[in-house]
Amino acid sequence: ARLSLDRGARDRMGLNLDDIVEGRVDAQVSSLSDGAGQHYDLDLTPARLTIPGLGWVKGAGVPATLSFDLIPVEGGERVENVNFAGEGFGFSGSALIDDAIGLAAAEIERFALRPGDSMRFSMKATEAGYAIEASGEAFDVRGVISDATGTGEGTGGETPDIAVKATIGQAIGFNGEVVSNAKVALVISNGEPTDLSVAGTLRGRPLRATYRDTP
């Protein structure tokens, strides 16, 4: 089946994606060969996509595709063979959708938002949001900095609490600055960064920085 899902159609299907997707999504849906689920091929080119917390936006008209298998399990659905692809960005992996809370867990490989990114991460739902553990060879953190400091585009809506622990071979910042062997811990609560620590090497010298927002 071929579907064209605008916001109204997504709302009728119970797909609350307003914080991530804006505009039309074209979809082709087919049954898996064993009959135990469905395969989805989505053309995201017409839509504007936003990844909250990472300061990344794909504009409408920029080519991107998403494919995955949706398999029913007790209490929810398993999402397998996820592949999101565009020029210079994309990821693959799997996820678990819980009927009560929505996205419950994810395992993501080959995560890249900009050329040169090479990361992987696991994510689990918490009471108020998500806990993320990430590692990889390189990641451009400019979008994260812009989003955390309020200089990016943002989503304009409610955002989940996020706790991140990351080990990055090269954390790439503004003006070509690079922190090597970076270890980062970040807590975002109610859309605002409340706890941040960074350790690594900058310009050949040890770097350590901490930030804590307390009442």
N, C-alpha and C. Protein backbone atom coordinates (compact mmCIF):
# COMPACT_ATOMS: atom_id res chain seq x y z
N ALA A 1 0.83 -1.18 0.00
CA ALA A 1 0.00 0.00 0.00
C ALA A 1 0.88 1.25 0.00
N ARG A 2 0.44 2.27 -0.69
CA ARG A 2 1.14 3.55 -0.72
C ARG A 2 0.32 4.57 0.05
N LEU A 3 0.97 5.31 0.94
CA LEU A 3 0.29 6.29 1.77
C LEU A 3 1.02 7.62 1.71
N SER A 4 0.26 8.70 1.82
CA SER A 4 0.83 10.03 1.96
C SER A 4 0.34 10.56 3.30
N LEU A 5 1.29 10.68 4.25
CA LEU A 5 0.92 11.00 5.63
C LEU A 5 1.26 12.43 5.96
N ASP A 6 0.24 13.31 5.96
CA ASP A 6 0.45 14.65 6.48
C ASP A 6 0.18 14.62 7.98
N ARG A 7 0.21 15.79 8.63
CA ARG A 7 0.04 15.81 10.09
C ARG A 7 -1.30 15.23 10.51
N GLY A 8 -2.35 15.58 9.78
CA GLY A 8 -3.67 15.08 10.13
C GLY A 8 -3.76 13.56 10.05
N ALA A 9 -3.17 13.00 8.99
CA ALA A 9 -3.19 11.54 8.83
C ALA A 9 -2.38 10.86 9.92
N ARG A 10 -1.23 11.46 10.29
CA ARG A 10 -0.43 10.87 11.37
C ARG A 10 -1.19 10.91 12.70
N ASP A 11 -1.89 12.02 12.96
CA ASP A 11 -2.67 12.12 14.20
C ASP A 11 -3.77 11.06 14.24
N ARG A 12 -4.43 10.82 13.11
CA ARG A 12 -5.50 9.83 13.07
C ARG A 12 -4.97 8.42 13.32
N MET A 13 -3.70 8.17 12.95
CA MET A 13 -3.08 6.87 13.15
C MET A 13 -2.44 6.75 14.54
N GLY A 14 -2.48 7.84 15.32
CA GLY A 14 -1.88 7.80 16.65
C GLY A 14 -0.38 7.99 16.65
N LEU A 15 0.18 8.53 15.57
CA LEU A 15 1.62 8.76 15.46
C LEU A 15 1.92 10.20 15.87
N ASN A 16 2.28 10.40 17.13
CA ASN A 16 2.56 11.74 17.64
C ASN A 16 4.03 12.08 17.37
N LEU A 17 4.29 12.69 16.22
CA LEU A 17 5.66 12.98 15.80
C LEU A 17 5.90 14.47 15.60
N ASP A 18 5.06 15.31 16.23
CA ASP A 18 5.12 16.74 15.97
C ASP A 18 6.47 17.35 16.33
N ASP A 19 7.18 16.81 17.35
CA ASP A 19 8.47 17.36 17.74
C ASP A 19 9.57 17.00 16.75
N ILE A 20 9.30 16.01 15.87
CA ILE A 20 10.35 15.51 14.97
C ILE A 20 10.02 15.81 13.51
N VAL A 21 8.78 15.60 13.12
CA VAL A 21 8.40 15.68 11.71
C VAL A 21 7.43 16.83 11.48
N GLU A 22 7.71 17.63 10.46
CA GLU A 22 6.81 18.69 10.04
C GLU A 22 6.63 18.59 8.53
N GLY A 23 5.38 18.39 8.09
CA GLY A 23 5.13 18.27 6.67
C GLY A 23 4.71 16.86 6.28
N ARG A 24 4.72 16.60 4.98
CA ARG A 24 4.22 15.33 4.44
C ARG A 24 5.32 14.26 4.41
N VAL A 25 4.91 13.02 4.68
CA VAL A 25 5.78 11.86 4.56
C VAL A 25 5.11 10.87 3.62
N ASP A 26 5.81 10.41 2.59
CA ASP A 26 5.27 9.41 1.67
C ASP A 26 5.75 8.03 2.11
N ALA A 27 4.82 7.07 2.19
CA ALA A 27 5.14 5.75 2.72
C ALA A 27 4.65 4.65 1.80
N GLN A 28 5.43 3.57 1.72
CA GLN A 28 5.00 2.35 1.07
C GLN A 28 5.09 1.22 2.10
N VAL A 29 3.98 0.49 2.28
CA VAL A 29 3.89 -0.53 3.32
C VAL A 29 3.61 -1.88 2.67
N SER A 30 4.36 -2.90 3.10
CA SER A 30 4.15 -4.25 2.59
C SER A 30 4.28 -5.25 3.73
N SER A 31 3.70 -6.42 3.58
CA SER A 31 3.79 -7.46 4.60
C SER A 31 5.12 -8.19 4.48
N LEU A 32 5.69 -8.55 5.64
CA LEU A 32 6.91 -9.35 5.63
C LEU A 32 6.59 -10.75 5.11
N SER A 33 7.61 -11.42 4.58
CA SER A 33 7.40 -12.71 3.93
C SER A 33 6.82 -13.76 4.87
N ASP A 34 7.15 -13.68 6.17
CA ASP A 34 6.62 -14.66 7.11
C ASP A 34 5.26 -14.24 7.67
N GLY A 35 4.76 -13.09 7.25
CA GLY A 35 3.45 -12.63 7.69
C GLY A 35 3.41 -12.07 9.09
N ALA A 36 4.56 -12.03 9.78
CA ALA A 36 4.58 -11.59 11.19
C ALA A 36 5.03 -10.15 11.32
N GLY A 37 4.43 -9.28 10.56
CA GLY A 37 4.80 -7.87 10.64
C GLY A 37 4.75 -7.20 9.29
N GLN A 38 5.17 -5.93 9.27
CA GLN A 38 5.12 -5.15 8.04
C GLN A 38 6.44 -4.43 7.81
N HIS A 39 6.75 -4.22 6.54
CA HIS A 39 7.94 -3.47 6.14
C HIS A 39 7.51 -2.10 5.64
N TYR A 40 8.23 -1.06 6.10
CA TYR A 40 7.91 0.31 5.73
C TYR A 40 9.08 0.93 4.96
N ASP A 41 8.77 1.60 3.88
CA ASP A 41 9.73 2.44 3.15
C ASP A 41 9.16 3.85 3.12
N LEU A 42 9.86 4.80 3.76
CA LEU A 42 9.38 6.17 3.85
C LEU A 42 10.27 7.10 3.05
N ASP A 43 9.66 7.98 2.28
CA ASP A 43 10.38 9.06 1.62
C ASP A 43 10.17 10.32 2.46
N LEU A 44 11.23 10.75 3.14
CA LEU A 44 11.14 11.89 4.05
C LEU A 44 11.54 13.20 3.37
N THR A 45 11.78 13.15 2.08
CA THR A 45 12.26 14.34 1.36
C THR A 45 11.33 15.54 1.53
N PRO A 46 9.99 15.38 1.44
CA PRO A 46 9.14 16.57 1.54
C PRO A 46 9.06 17.16 2.95
N ALA A 47 9.50 16.41 3.97
CA ALA A 47 9.30 16.82 5.36
C ALA A 47 10.51 17.56 5.92
N ARG A 48 10.23 18.37 6.95
CA ARG A 48 11.28 18.98 7.76
C ARG A 48 11.46 18.11 8.99
N LEU A 49 12.69 17.68 9.27
CA LEU A 49 12.96 16.80 10.41
C LEU A 49 13.82 17.53 11.43
N THR A 50 13.53 17.31 12.70
CA THR A 50 14.29 17.88 13.80
C THR A 50 14.63 16.78 14.79
N ILE A 51 15.89 16.71 15.22
CA ILE A 51 16.26 15.78 16.29
C ILE A 51 16.48 16.61 17.55
N PRO A 52 15.56 16.53 18.52
CA PRO A 52 15.67 17.34 19.74
C PRO A 52 16.95 17.04 20.50
N GLY A 53 17.57 18.10 21.04
CA GLY A 53 18.76 17.95 21.87
C GLY A 53 20.06 17.92 21.11
N LEU A 54 20.00 17.68 19.80
CA LEU A 54 21.22 17.58 19.01
C LEU A 54 21.38 18.75 18.04
N GLY A 55 20.41 19.65 18.03
CA GLY A 55 20.54 20.83 17.19
C GLY A 55 20.64 20.53 15.72
N TRP A 56 19.99 19.46 15.26
CA TRP A 56 20.08 19.04 13.86
C TRP A 56 18.72 19.15 13.19
N VAL A 57 18.71 19.75 12.01
CA VAL A 57 17.48 19.93 11.25
C VAL A 57 17.72 19.57 9.79
N LYS A 58 16.82 18.77 9.22
CA LYS A 58 16.82 18.51 7.78
C LYS A 58 15.68 19.31 7.17
N GLY A 59 16.01 20.20 6.28
CA GLY A 59 14.99 21.03 5.67
C GLY A 59 14.12 20.27 4.70
N ALA A 60 12.91 20.78 4.48
CA ALA A 60 12.03 20.21 3.47
C ALA A 60 12.70 20.29 2.10
N GLY A 61 12.63 19.21 1.35
CA GLY A 61 13.25 19.15 0.03
C GLY A 61 14.62 18.50 0.03
N VAL A 62 15.24 18.33 1.19
CA VAL A 62 16.53 17.62 1.27
C VAL A 62 16.25 16.13 1.25
N PRO A 63 16.82 15.39 0.29
CA PRO A 63 16.48 13.96 0.17
C PRO A 63 16.86 13.15 1.40
N ALA A 64 15.95 12.27 1.83
CA ALA A 64 16.20 11.35 2.94
C ALA A 64 15.18 10.23 2.87
N THR A 65 15.61 9.04 3.25
CA THR A 65 14.72 7.89 3.28
C THR A 65 14.84 7.16 4.62
N LEU A 66 13.80 6.47 4.99
CA LEU A 66 13.79 5.66 6.21
C LEU A 66 13.06 4.36 5.91
N SER A 67 13.70 3.23 6.25
CA SER A 67 13.05 1.94 6.09
C SER A 67 13.19 1.14 7.38
N PHE A 68 12.21 0.28 7.66
CA PHE A 68 12.26 -0.55 8.85
C PHE A 68 11.18 -1.62 8.78
N ASP A 69 11.35 -2.65 9.61
CA ASP A 69 10.36 -3.69 9.78
C ASP A 69 9.67 -3.48 11.13
N LEU A 70 8.36 -3.56 11.16
CA LEU A 70 7.59 -3.39 12.39
C LEU A 70 6.95 -4.73 12.75
N ILE A 71 7.37 -5.31 13.89
CA ILE A 71 6.97 -6.66 14.26
C ILE A 71 6.24 -6.63 15.60
N PRO A 72 5.00 -7.08 15.66
CA PRO A 72 4.25 -7.07 16.93
C PRO A 72 4.90 -8.00 17.96
N VAL A 73 5.00 -7.54 19.20
CA VAL A 73 5.44 -8.36 20.33
C VAL A 73 4.51 -8.08 21.49
N GLU A 74 4.61 -8.87 22.54
CA GLU A 74 3.74 -8.67 23.68
C GLU A 74 3.98 -7.30 24.31
N GLY A 75 2.94 -6.50 24.41
CA GLY A 75 3.04 -5.19 25.03
C GLY A 75 3.56 -4.10 24.13
N GLY A 76 3.75 -4.39 22.84
CA GLY A 76 4.25 -3.34 21.95
C GLY A 76 4.68 -3.86 20.60
N GLU A 77 5.74 -3.26 20.06
CA GLU A 77 6.25 -3.64 18.75
C GLU A 77 7.76 -3.53 18.73
N ARG A 78 8.38 -4.42 17.99
CA ARG A 78 9.82 -4.38 17.77
C ARG A 78 10.09 -3.76 16.40
N VAL A 79 11.04 -2.84 16.35
CA VAL A 79 11.40 -2.19 15.10
C VAL A 79 12.79 -2.70 14.70
N GLU A 80 12.85 -3.45 13.61
CA GLU A 80 14.10 -4.07 13.18
C GLU A 80 14.54 -3.51 11.83
N ASN A 81 15.85 -3.71 11.55
CA ASN A 81 16.42 -3.31 10.24
C ASN A 81 16.16 -1.85 9.91
N VAL A 82 16.29 -1.00 10.92
CA VAL A 82 16.10 0.44 10.71
C VAL A 82 17.26 0.99 9.89
N ASN A 83 16.95 1.74 8.86
CA ASN A 83 17.98 2.38 8.05
C ASN A 83 17.50 3.76 7.63
N PHE A 84 18.14 4.81 8.17
CA PHE A 84 17.85 6.20 7.83
C PHE A 84 19.02 6.72 7.02
N ALA A 85 18.76 7.28 5.84
CA ALA A 85 19.86 7.63 4.94
C ALA A 85 19.60 8.93 4.21
N GLY A 86 20.65 9.75 4.13
CA GLY A 86 20.68 10.96 3.34
C GLY A 86 22.13 11.30 3.04
N GLU A 87 22.36 12.32 2.24
CA GLU A 87 23.73 12.66 1.87
C GLU A 87 24.46 13.26 3.08
N GLY A 88 25.44 12.52 3.61
CA GLY A 88 26.23 13.00 4.74
C GLY A 88 25.63 12.70 6.09
N PHE A 89 24.48 12.03 6.15
CA PHE A 89 23.87 11.71 7.44
C PHE A 89 23.12 10.39 7.34
N GLY A 90 22.89 9.77 8.50
CA GLY A 90 22.11 8.54 8.54
C GLY A 90 22.47 7.68 9.73
N PHE A 91 21.73 6.60 9.90
CA PHE A 91 22.03 5.63 10.94
C PHE A 91 21.29 4.34 10.65
N SER A 92 21.68 3.28 11.38
CA SER A 92 20.97 2.00 11.31
C SER A 92 20.84 1.45 12.71
N GLY A 93 19.92 0.50 12.90
CA GLY A 93 19.78 -0.06 14.23
C GLY A 93 18.43 -0.71 14.45
N SER A 94 18.00 -0.75 15.71
CA SER A 94 16.74 -1.38 16.08
C SER A 94 16.17 -0.64 17.29
N ALA A 95 14.89 -0.89 17.57
CA ALA A 95 14.23 -0.20 18.69
C ALA A 95 13.07 -1.05 19.21
N LEU A 96 12.59 -0.67 20.39
CA LEU A 96 11.44 -1.32 21.00
C LEU A 96 10.41 -0.25 21.34
N ILE A 97 9.18 -0.46 20.88
CA ILE A 97 8.09 0.46 21.15
C ILE A 97 7.16 -0.18 22.17
N ASP A 98 6.92 0.51 23.28
CA ASP A 98 6.03 0.04 24.32
C ASP A 98 4.67 0.71 24.14
N ASP A 99 3.59 -0.08 24.24
CA ASP A 99 2.26 0.48 24.03
C ASP A 99 1.94 1.59 25.03
N ALA A 100 2.52 1.52 26.24
CA ALA A 100 2.19 2.48 27.28
C ALA A 100 3.02 3.75 27.20
N ILE A 101 4.32 3.62 26.90
CA ILE A 101 5.21 4.78 26.98
C ILE A 101 5.79 5.23 25.65
N GLY A 102 5.55 4.47 24.59
CA GLY A 102 6.15 4.82 23.30
C GLY A 102 7.53 4.20 23.17
N LEU A 103 8.51 4.98 22.71
CA LEU A 103 9.86 4.46 22.53
C LEU A 103 10.45 4.04 23.87
N ALA A 104 10.78 2.76 24.01
CA ALA A 104 11.29 2.23 25.28
C ALA A 104 12.80 2.02 25.24
N ALA A 105 13.35 1.66 24.08
CA ALA A 105 14.78 1.40 23.99
C ALA A 105 15.20 1.42 22.53
N ALA A 106 16.49 1.68 22.30
CA ALA A 106 17.03 1.67 20.94
C ALA A 106 18.51 1.33 20.97
N GLU A 107 18.96 0.64 19.94
CA GLU A 107 20.38 0.37 19.72
C GLU A 107 20.71 0.89 18.32
N ILE A 108 21.59 1.89 18.26
CA ILE A 108 21.86 2.57 17.00
C ILE A 108 23.33 2.44 16.62
N GLU A 109 23.58 2.05 15.39
CA GLU A 109 24.94 1.94 14.85
C GLU A 109 25.12 2.95 13.72
N ARG A 110 26.36 3.23 13.40
CA ARG A 110 26.71 4.10 12.26
C ARG A 110 25.96 5.42 12.32
N PHE A 111 25.89 6.04 13.48
CA PHE A 111 25.13 7.28 13.64
C PHE A 111 25.95 8.46 13.16
N ALA A 112 25.41 9.21 12.19
CA ALA A 112 26.09 10.38 11.65
C ALA A 112 25.06 11.43 11.28
N LEU A 113 25.28 12.66 11.78
CA LEU A 113 24.43 13.78 11.40
C LEU A 113 25.12 14.70 10.42
N ARG A 114 26.46 14.65 10.40
CA ARG A 114 27.25 15.45 9.47
C ARG A 114 28.39 14.60 8.94
N PRO A 115 28.94 14.94 7.76
CA PRO A 115 30.06 14.17 7.22
C PRO A 115 31.21 14.10 8.23
N GLY A 116 31.75 12.90 8.42
CA GLY A 116 32.83 12.71 9.37
C GLY A 116 32.39 12.13 10.69
N ASP A 117 31.09 12.24 11.02
CA ASP A 117 30.57 11.64 12.25
C ASP A 117 30.67 10.13 12.18
N SER A 118 31.01 9.51 13.30
CA SER A 118 31.03 8.05 13.39
C SER A 118 30.78 7.67 14.84
N MET A 119 29.51 7.38 15.17
CA MET A 119 29.13 7.10 16.55
C MET A 119 28.18 5.92 16.61
N ARG A 120 28.04 5.40 17.82
CA ARG A 120 27.03 4.38 18.12
C ARG A 120 26.48 4.67 19.51
N PHE A 121 25.24 4.29 19.76
CA PHE A 121 24.72 4.54 21.10
C PHE A 121 23.56 3.61 21.43
N SER A 122 23.32 3.46 22.72
CA SER A 122 22.15 2.74 23.22
C SER A 122 21.31 3.72 24.02
N MET A 123 20.01 3.56 23.98
CA MET A 123 19.10 4.48 24.65
C MET A 123 18.01 3.69 25.36
N LYS A 124 17.72 4.09 26.61
CA LYS A 124 16.65 3.46 27.37
C LYS A 124 15.77 4.54 27.97
N ALA A 125 14.49 4.26 28.01
CA ALA A 125 13.54 5.21 28.59
C ALA A 125 13.69 5.24 30.11
N THR A 126 13.56 6.45 30.68
CA THR A 126 13.52 6.64 32.12
C THR A 126 12.14 7.21 32.47
N GLU A 127 11.92 7.53 33.74
CA GLU A 127 10.62 8.05 34.14
C GLU A 127 10.28 9.36 33.43
N ALA A 128 11.31 10.19 33.20
CA ALA A 128 11.06 11.52 32.64
C ALA A 128 11.61 11.71 31.23
N GLY A 129 12.35 10.73 30.71
CA GLY A 129 12.95 10.92 29.40
C GLY A 129 13.78 9.72 28.99
N TYR A 130 15.08 9.97 28.72
CA TYR A 130 15.93 8.91 28.19
C TYR A 130 17.34 8.98 28.77
N ALA A 131 17.95 7.81 28.96
CA ALA A 131 19.35 7.70 29.33
C ALA A 131 20.10 7.15 28.11
N ILE A 132 21.19 7.81 27.75
CA ILE A 132 21.92 7.47 26.52
C ILE A 132 23.39 7.23 26.85
N GLU A 133 23.94 6.13 26.34
CA GLU A 133 25.36 5.86 26.41
C GLU A 133 25.89 5.77 24.99
N ALA A 134 26.90 6.61 24.68
CA ALA A 134 27.39 6.72 23.31
C ALA A 134 28.91 6.59 23.26
N SER A 135 29.41 6.10 22.14
CA SER A 135 30.85 6.04 21.93
C SER A 135 31.11 6.05 20.43
N GLY A 136 32.32 6.48 20.06
CA GLY A 136 32.66 6.50 18.65
C GLY A 136 33.93 7.25 18.36
N GLU A 137 34.29 7.28 17.08
CA GLU A 137 35.54 7.88 16.65
C GLU A 137 35.45 9.39 16.51
N ALA A 138 34.31 9.91 16.10
CA ALA A 138 34.21 11.35 15.87
C ALA A 138 32.76 11.79 15.89
N PHE A 139 32.54 13.04 16.38
CA PHE A 139 31.19 13.61 16.36
C PHE A 139 31.30 15.12 16.37
N ASP A 140 30.55 15.76 15.47
CA ASP A 140 30.49 17.22 15.40
C ASP A 140 29.50 17.70 16.45
N VAL A 141 29.99 18.37 17.49
CA VAL A 141 29.14 18.74 18.63
C VAL A 141 28.59 20.16 18.52
N ARG A 142 28.78 20.83 17.41
CA ARG A 142 28.33 22.21 17.30
C ARG A 142 26.81 22.33 17.46
N GLY A 143 26.07 21.38 16.90
CA GLY A 143 24.63 21.42 17.04
C GLY A 143 24.18 21.24 18.48
N VAL A 144 24.87 20.34 19.21
CA VAL A 144 24.54 20.11 20.61
C VAL A 144 24.80 21.38 21.42
N ILE A 145 25.94 22.04 21.16
CA ILE A 145 26.28 23.28 21.87
C ILE A 145 25.24 24.35 21.59
N SER A 146 24.88 24.52 20.33
CA SER A 146 23.89 25.55 19.97
C SER A 146 22.55 25.28 20.62
N ASP A 147 22.14 24.00 20.64
CA ASP A 147 20.85 23.66 21.23
C ASP A 147 20.87 23.87 22.74
N ALA A 148 21.98 23.47 23.39
CA ALA A 148 22.07 23.58 24.84
C ALA A 148 22.15 25.03 25.31
N THR A 149 22.74 25.90 24.49
CA THR A 149 22.89 27.30 24.88
C THR A 149 21.77 28.19 24.36
N GLY A 150 20.82 27.58 23.66
CA GLY A 150 19.67 28.34 23.21
C GLY A 150 19.92 29.17 21.97
N THR A 151 21.02 28.88 21.23
CA THR A 151 21.31 29.64 20.02
C THR A 151 20.87 28.92 18.75
N GLY A 152 20.39 27.68 18.90
CA GLY A 152 19.92 26.93 17.74
C GLY A 152 18.45 27.20 17.48
N GLU A 153 17.87 26.44 16.51
CA GLU A 153 16.48 26.63 16.13
C GLU A 153 15.54 26.08 17.19
N GLY A 154 15.91 24.94 17.80
CA GLY A 154 15.07 24.35 18.84
C GLY A 154 13.77 23.81 18.28
N THR A 155 12.95 23.22 19.17
CA THR A 155 11.69 22.62 18.75
C THR A 155 10.49 23.46 19.16
N GLY A 156 10.66 24.31 20.17
CA GLY A 156 9.56 25.15 20.60
C GLY A 156 8.52 24.43 21.43
N GLY A 157 8.73 23.14 21.75
CA GLY A 157 7.76 22.40 22.53
C GLY A 157 8.41 21.74 23.72
N GLU A 158 7.62 20.89 24.39
CA GLU A 158 8.16 20.18 25.52
C GLU A 158 9.20 19.16 25.06
N THR A 159 10.27 19.01 25.84
CA THR A 159 11.31 18.06 25.49
C THR A 159 11.52 17.11 26.66
N PRO A 160 11.87 15.85 26.39
CA PRO A 160 12.11 14.91 27.48
C PRO A 160 13.42 15.21 28.18
N ASP A 161 13.53 14.79 29.45
CA ASP A 161 14.80 14.88 30.15
C ASP A 161 15.77 13.88 29.52
N ILE A 162 17.03 14.29 29.41
CA ILE A 162 18.03 13.45 28.74
C ILE A 162 19.29 13.41 29.59
N ALA A 163 19.80 12.21 29.81
CA ALA A 163 21.08 12.03 30.50
C ALA A 163 22.01 11.27 29.55
N VAL A 164 23.14 11.90 29.21
CA VAL A 164 24.06 11.35 28.22
C VAL A 164 25.43 11.11 28.83
N LYS A 165 25.99 9.93 28.55
CA LYS A 165 27.39 9.64 28.83
C LYS A 165 28.03 9.23 27.52
N ALA A 166 29.10 9.94 27.12
CA ALA A 166 29.69 9.69 25.81
C ALA A 166 31.21 9.69 25.87
N THR A 167 31.80 8.81 25.07
CA THR A 167 33.25 8.78 24.85
C THR A 167 33.48 8.99 23.37
N ILE A 168 34.20 10.05 23.03
CA ILE A 168 34.35 10.45 21.62
C ILE A 168 35.83 10.62 21.30
N GLY A 169 36.30 9.95 20.28
CA GLY A 169 37.70 10.08 19.87
C GLY A 169 38.06 11.51 19.51
N GLN A 170 37.19 12.16 18.72
CA GLN A 170 37.39 13.56 18.35
C GLN A 170 36.04 14.28 18.40
N ALA A 171 35.89 15.18 19.38
CA ALA A 171 34.69 16.01 19.49
C ALA A 171 34.98 17.32 18.78
N ILE A 172 34.29 17.56 17.67
CA ILE A 172 34.58 18.69 16.78
C ILE A 172 33.67 19.86 17.13
N GLY A 173 34.27 21.01 17.46
CA GLY A 173 33.50 22.18 17.86
C GLY A 173 33.63 23.32 16.87
N PHE A 174 33.29 24.52 17.32
CA PHE A 174 33.34 25.69 16.46
C PHE A 174 34.79 26.10 16.19
N ASN A 175 34.98 26.81 15.06
CA ASN A 175 36.29 27.34 14.66
C ASN A 175 37.34 26.25 14.52
N GLY A 176 36.90 25.04 14.18
CA GLY A 176 37.83 23.95 13.94
C GLY A 176 38.48 23.38 15.18
N GLU A 177 38.03 23.78 16.35
CA GLU A 177 38.60 23.24 17.59
C GLU A 177 38.17 21.79 17.78
N VAL A 178 39.11 20.95 18.27
CA VAL A 178 38.83 19.53 18.47
C VAL A 178 39.30 19.11 19.85
N VAL A 179 38.42 18.48 20.61
CA VAL A 179 38.80 17.87 21.87
C VAL A 179 39.00 16.38 21.62
N SER A 180 40.23 15.89 21.85
CA SER A 180 40.54 14.49 21.60
C SER A 180 40.28 13.66 22.85
N ASN A 181 39.92 12.39 22.63
CA ASN A 181 39.65 11.46 23.72
C ASN A 181 38.69 12.08 24.74
N ALA A 182 37.62 12.62 24.22
CA ALA A 182 36.67 13.36 25.07
C ALA A 182 35.75 12.40 25.82
N LYS A 183 35.56 12.72 27.09
CA LYS A 183 34.56 12.04 27.90
C LYS A 183 33.55 13.10 28.35
N VAL A 184 32.31 12.90 28.00
CA VAL A 184 31.27 13.90 28.22
C VAL A 184 30.12 13.30 29.00
N ALA A 185 29.65 14.04 30.00
CA ALA A 185 28.42 13.68 30.71
C ALA A 185 27.52 14.90 30.70
N LEU A 186 26.29 14.73 30.26
CA LEU A 186 25.37 15.85 30.11
C LEU A 186 23.99 15.46 30.61
N VAL A 187 23.39 16.34 31.40
CA VAL A 187 22.01 16.15 31.86
C VAL A 187 21.19 17.35 31.41
N ILE A 188 20.09 17.09 30.71
CA ILE A 188 19.17 18.14 30.28
C ILE A 188 17.83 17.87 30.95
N SER A 189 17.34 18.84 31.72
CA SER A 189 16.08 18.69 32.45
C SER A 189 15.14 19.84 32.07
N ASN A 190 13.91 19.48 31.69
CA ASN A 190 12.93 20.49 31.26
C ASN A 190 13.48 21.36 30.13
N GLY A 191 14.27 20.75 29.26
CA GLY A 191 14.81 21.45 28.11
C GLY A 191 16.03 22.30 28.38
N GLU A 192 16.53 22.32 29.63
CA GLU A 192 17.67 23.14 29.98
C GLU A 192 18.81 22.27 30.50
N PRO A 193 20.07 22.56 30.09
CA PRO A 193 21.21 21.80 30.63
C PRO A 193 21.41 22.12 32.11
N THR A 194 21.46 21.09 32.94
CA THR A 194 21.65 21.30 34.38
C THR A 194 22.98 20.76 34.88
N ASP A 195 23.60 19.88 34.14
CA ASP A 195 24.86 19.29 34.59
C ASP A 195 25.67 18.90 33.36
N LEU A 196 26.90 19.38 33.31
CA LEU A 196 27.77 19.07 32.17
C LEU A 196 29.21 18.94 32.65
N SER A 197 29.86 17.86 32.23
CA SER A 197 31.29 17.72 32.48
C SER A 197 31.97 17.23 31.21
N VAL A 198 33.14 17.80 30.94
CA VAL A 198 33.91 17.45 29.75
C VAL A 198 35.36 17.26 30.16
N ALA A 199 35.98 16.19 29.71
CA ALA A 199 37.40 15.95 29.95
C ALA A 199 38.02 15.43 28.66
N GLY A 200 39.25 15.83 28.39
CA GLY A 200 39.94 15.38 27.19
C GLY A 200 41.21 16.17 26.96
N THR A 201 41.60 16.28 25.70
CA THR A 201 42.81 17.01 25.33
C THR A 201 42.48 18.04 24.27
N LEU A 202 42.85 19.29 24.52
CA LEU A 202 42.61 20.38 23.59
C LEU A 202 43.93 21.07 23.28
N ARG A 203 44.30 21.13 22.00
CA ARG A 203 45.56 21.74 21.57
C ARG A 203 46.75 21.12 22.30
N GLY A 204 46.67 19.81 22.53
CA GLY A 204 47.78 19.09 23.15
C GLY A 204 47.86 19.21 24.66
N ARG A 205 46.89 19.89 25.26
CA ARG A 205 46.90 20.07 26.71
C ARG A 205 45.64 19.48 27.32
N PRO A 206 45.76 18.97 28.56
CA PRO A 206 44.58 18.40 29.23
C PRO A 206 43.49 19.45 29.41
N LEU A 207 42.24 19.03 29.21
CA LEU A 207 41.09 19.91 29.38
C LEU A 207 40.11 19.26 30.35
N ARG A 208 39.62 20.04 31.28
CA ARG A 208 38.55 19.57 32.17
C ARG A 208 37.64 20.74 32.47
N ALA A 209 36.35 20.54 32.26
CA ALA A 209 35.39 21.62 32.50
C ALA A 209 34.12 21.02 33.09
N THR A 210 33.50 21.76 34.01
CA THR A 210 32.25 21.32 34.59
C THR A 210 31.29 22.50 34.68
N TYR A 211 30.01 22.19 34.58
CA TYR A 211 28.96 23.20 34.72
C TYR A 211 27.82 22.55 35.47
N ARG A 212 27.29 23.24 36.47
CA ARG A 212 26.15 22.73 37.21
C ARG A 212 25.21 23.88 37.53
N ASP A 213 23.94 23.67 37.17
CA ASP A 213 22.91 24.67 37.44
C ASP A 213 22.13 24.21 38.65
N THR A 214 22.29 24.92 39.78
CA THR A 214 21.60 24.55 41.01
C THR A 214 20.71 25.70 41.46
N PRO A 215 19.67 25.38 42.21
CA PRO A 215 18.76 26.46 42.68
C PRO A 215 19.50 27.50 43.54
